[in-house]
Amino acid sequence: MANLNESQGGKAVKGRTKKSSPRVDLTAMVDLMFLLTTFFMLTTTLGQLNAADVAKPVDCDDCNEPYPESRTMTILLGKNNRAVSYIGLPATANMKISAVGEIDQEIRKYKTLVASIQASKHLIVIIKPTKHSVFKDFVDLVDEMKINNIKSYTIDDKNLQPQEEAFLKEKAL
């Protein structure tokens, strides 16, 4: 049983009767605290984790269907928070270097370009992280896909084209 006892603060005065100290039983208060704690623990939902779902397809030897050049944007992640973006094939493309934080402008530009040329089609983005890229840049880029409502994007960390490798080596990315 939980009690609250007050200490005797002073001495008894001669001729007066001694008053007993008040006694408060805190058992009911402790029981109520445990009941409320249990109630809130059982009725509260825990926060859901916000994780991006990344589903990579199974490797396929017979799958050589090319992406449509006119609406395919490729983003190469390099070192020092830099990215290279281009649309079309790497052999004929105009590759542009930009910071990963500013790649959203390129995505919006290419998205409006594809929408103006082919109204019923959407932009396809291929994200290619290199061995020099940082995981934070990759996560930021996947977030940009969600923010810019890119319906179709893929992650290709195995098939770096020779033209892409040569450009990255030339620009020290």
Protein backbone atom coordinates (compact mmCIF):
# COMPACT_ATOMS: atom_id res chain seq x y z
CA MET A 1 0.00 0.00 0.00
CA ALA A 2 1.38 3.44 -0.93
CA ASN A 3 1.22 6.07 1.78
CA LEU A 4 2.04 9.75 1.98
CA ASN A 5 3.36 10.59 5.42
CA GLU A 6 4.18 14.09 6.52
CA SER A 7 6.99 14.59 8.98
CA GLN A 8 6.47 16.37 12.28
CA GLY A 9 7.55 19.92 11.59
CA GLY A 10 7.55 21.37 15.06
CA LYS A 11 7.47 20.55 18.72
CA ALA A 12 4.28 20.08 20.63
CA VAL A 13 3.23 23.11 22.61
CA LYS A 14 2.52 22.55 26.32
CA GLY A 15 -1.14 22.26 27.06
CA ARG A 16 -2.32 21.51 23.60
CA THR A 17 -3.35 18.19 22.26
CA LYS A 18 -1.14 16.61 19.70
CA LYS A 19 -2.70 16.45 16.23
CA SER A 20 -2.10 13.38 14.15
CA SER A 21 -0.56 13.89 10.73
CA PRO A 22 -2.85 13.35 7.76
CA ARG A 23 -2.50 10.01 6.06
CA VAL A 24 -3.22 9.77 2.34
CA ASP A 25 -3.54 6.39 0.67
CA LEU A 26 -2.12 6.53 -2.90
CA THR A 27 -3.01 2.97 -3.87
CA ALA A 28 -5.96 4.05 -5.98
CA MET A 29 -3.82 6.69 -7.74
CA VAL A 30 -1.14 4.12 -8.65
CA ASP A 31 -3.79 1.70 -9.91
CA LEU A 32 -5.32 4.44 -12.05
CA MET A 33 -1.90 5.32 -13.49
CA PHE A 34 -1.28 1.71 -14.55
CA LEU A 35 -4.77 1.43 -16.03
CA LEU A 36 -4.32 4.60 -18.07
CA THR A 37 -0.85 3.54 -19.23
CA THR A 38 -2.18 0.16 -20.32
CA PHE A 39 -5.16 1.77 -22.06
CA PHE A 40 -3.00 4.19 -24.07
CA MET A 41 -0.51 1.49 -24.98
CA LEU A 42 -3.23 -0.76 -26.35
CA THR A 43 -5.22 1.89 -28.21
CA THR A 44 -2.37 3.85 -29.78
CA THR A 45 -1.06 2.83 -33.18
CA LEU A 46 2.65 2.83 -33.70
CA GLY A 47 4.08 4.95 -36.51
CA GLN A 48 4.38 3.24 -39.86
CA LEU A 49 7.78 3.11 -41.51
CA ASN A 50 8.03 5.11 -44.71
CA ALA A 51 10.09 2.96 -47.03
CA ALA A 52 10.28 3.18 -50.76
CA ASP A 53 9.37 -0.05 -52.49
CA VAL A 54 12.02 -1.00 -54.99
CA ALA A 55 11.26 -4.07 -57.02
CA LYS A 56 13.96 -5.18 -59.40
CA PRO A 57 12.99 -7.62 -62.14
CA VAL A 58 14.44 -11.08 -62.38
CA ASP A 59 17.39 -11.36 -64.78
CA CYS A 60 16.26 -12.56 -68.17
CA ASP A 61 18.51 -13.72 -71.00
CA ASP A 62 15.82 -13.41 -73.68
CA CYS A 63 14.70 -9.90 -72.66
CA ASN A 64 16.32 -7.59 -75.19
CA GLU A 65 13.38 -5.31 -75.88
CA PRO A 66 14.82 -1.79 -76.22
CA TYR A 67 13.40 1.25 -74.48
CA PRO A 68 11.84 3.87 -76.76
CA GLU A 69 14.58 6.48 -77.35
CA SER A 70 12.28 9.47 -77.65
CA ARG A 71 10.94 9.19 -74.13
CA THR A 72 13.72 7.47 -72.16
CA MET A 73 15.85 9.53 -69.80
CA THR A 74 18.99 8.01 -68.30
CA ILE A 75 20.57 9.33 -65.11
CA LEU A 76 24.09 8.26 -64.17
CA LEU A 77 25.10 8.85 -60.57
CA GLY A 78 28.74 9.87 -60.21
CA LYS A 79 30.97 10.96 -57.38
CA ASN A 80 30.85 14.26 -55.45
CA ASN A 81 27.02 14.45 -55.59
CA ARG A 82 27.05 14.87 -59.38
CA ALA A 83 24.78 13.23 -61.93
CA VAL A 84 24.76 12.96 -65.70
CA SER A 85 21.42 13.01 -67.49
CA TYR A 86 20.49 12.54 -71.12
CA ILE A 87 17.59 11.44 -73.25
CA GLY A 88 17.86 8.85 -76.01
CA LEU A 89 20.83 6.64 -76.82
CA PRO A 90 24.24 7.33 -75.24
CA ALA A 91 26.02 7.37 -78.60
CA THR A 92 24.01 10.32 -79.94
CA ALA A 93 22.91 11.98 -76.70
CA ASN A 94 23.79 15.38 -75.33
CA MET A 95 24.93 14.43 -71.82
CA LYS A 96 24.47 17.10 -69.17
CA ILE A 97 26.21 17.20 -65.79
CA SER A 98 24.32 18.61 -62.82
CA ALA A 99 24.18 18.31 -59.07
CA VAL A 100 21.95 15.57 -57.69
CA GLY A 101 19.96 18.22 -55.79
CA GLU A 102 19.19 20.01 -59.07
CA ILE A 103 18.29 16.94 -61.13
CA ASP A 104 14.58 17.58 -60.50
CA GLN A 105 14.73 20.48 -62.99
CA GLU A 106 16.06 18.14 -65.68
CA ILE A 107 13.38 15.56 -64.88
CA ARG A 108 10.61 18.17 -65.17
CA LYS A 109 12.08 19.54 -68.40
CA TYR A 110 12.25 16.11 -70.05
CA LYS A 111 8.83 15.16 -68.69
CA THR A 112 7.19 18.21 -70.29
CA LEU A 113 9.17 17.58 -73.50
CA VAL A 114 7.86 14.01 -73.76
CA ALA A 115 4.32 15.12 -72.88
CA SER A 116 4.38 17.79 -75.60
CA ILE A 117 5.60 15.36 -78.27
CA GLN A 118 3.48 12.34 -77.29
CA ALA A 119 0.54 13.36 -75.11
CA SER A 120 -0.56 9.82 -74.26
CA LYS A 121 2.96 8.62 -73.37
CA HIS A 122 4.97 9.13 -70.20
CA LEU A 123 8.66 9.54 -69.43
CA ILE A 124 10.73 6.43 -68.67
CA VAL A 125 13.75 6.97 -66.41
CA ILE A 126 16.71 4.62 -66.08
CA ILE A 127 18.76 5.21 -62.93
CA LYS A 128 22.32 3.91 -63.16
CA PRO A 129 24.33 4.18 -59.94
CA THR A 130 28.06 3.78 -60.51
CA LYS A 131 30.65 2.33 -58.16
CA HIS A 132 31.68 5.87 -57.15
CA SER A 133 28.16 7.07 -56.27
CA VAL A 134 26.83 7.48 -52.74
CA PHE A 135 23.73 5.73 -51.39
CA LYS A 136 22.24 9.05 -50.23
CA ASP A 137 22.24 10.33 -53.83
CA PHE A 138 20.45 7.18 -54.95
CA VAL A 139 17.77 7.58 -52.29
CA ASP A 140 17.35 11.27 -53.17
CA LEU A 141 16.90 10.34 -56.82
CA VAL A 142 14.28 7.70 -56.04
CA ASP A 143 12.49 10.31 -53.92
CA GLU A 144 12.52 12.66 -56.92
CA MET A 145 10.81 9.95 -58.96
CA LYS A 146 7.98 9.88 -56.41
CA ILE A 147 7.81 13.68 -56.12
CA ASN A 148 7.70 14.24 -59.89
CA ASN A 149 5.17 11.42 -60.36
CA ILE A 150 7.34 9.40 -62.73
CA LYS A 151 5.24 6.33 -63.45
CA SER A 152 7.97 4.16 -64.92
CA TYR A 153 11.56 4.07 -63.74
CA THR A 154 14.09 1.32 -63.43
CA ILE A 155 17.37 0.80 -61.60
CA ASP A 156 20.15 -0.64 -63.71
CA ASP A 157 23.36 -1.07 -61.77
CA LYS A 158 24.89 -3.69 -64.08
CA ASN A 159 24.68 -2.41 -67.66
CA LEU A 160 26.82 0.69 -68.02
CA GLN A 161 27.35 1.43 -71.73
CA PRO A 162 30.90 2.07 -73.04
CA GLN A 163 29.95 5.62 -74.10
CA GLU A 164 28.67 6.31 -70.57
CA GLU A 165 31.84 4.92 -69.00
CA ALA A 166 34.00 7.01 -71.34
CA PHE A 167 32.04 10.18 -70.52
CA LEU A 168 32.27 9.58 -66.78
CA LYS A 169 36.00 8.90 -67.05
CA GLU A 170 36.56 11.99 -69.20
CA LYS A 171 34.71 14.26 -66.75
CA ALA A 172 36.24 12.52 -63.67
CA LEU A 173 32.88 11.45 -62.30
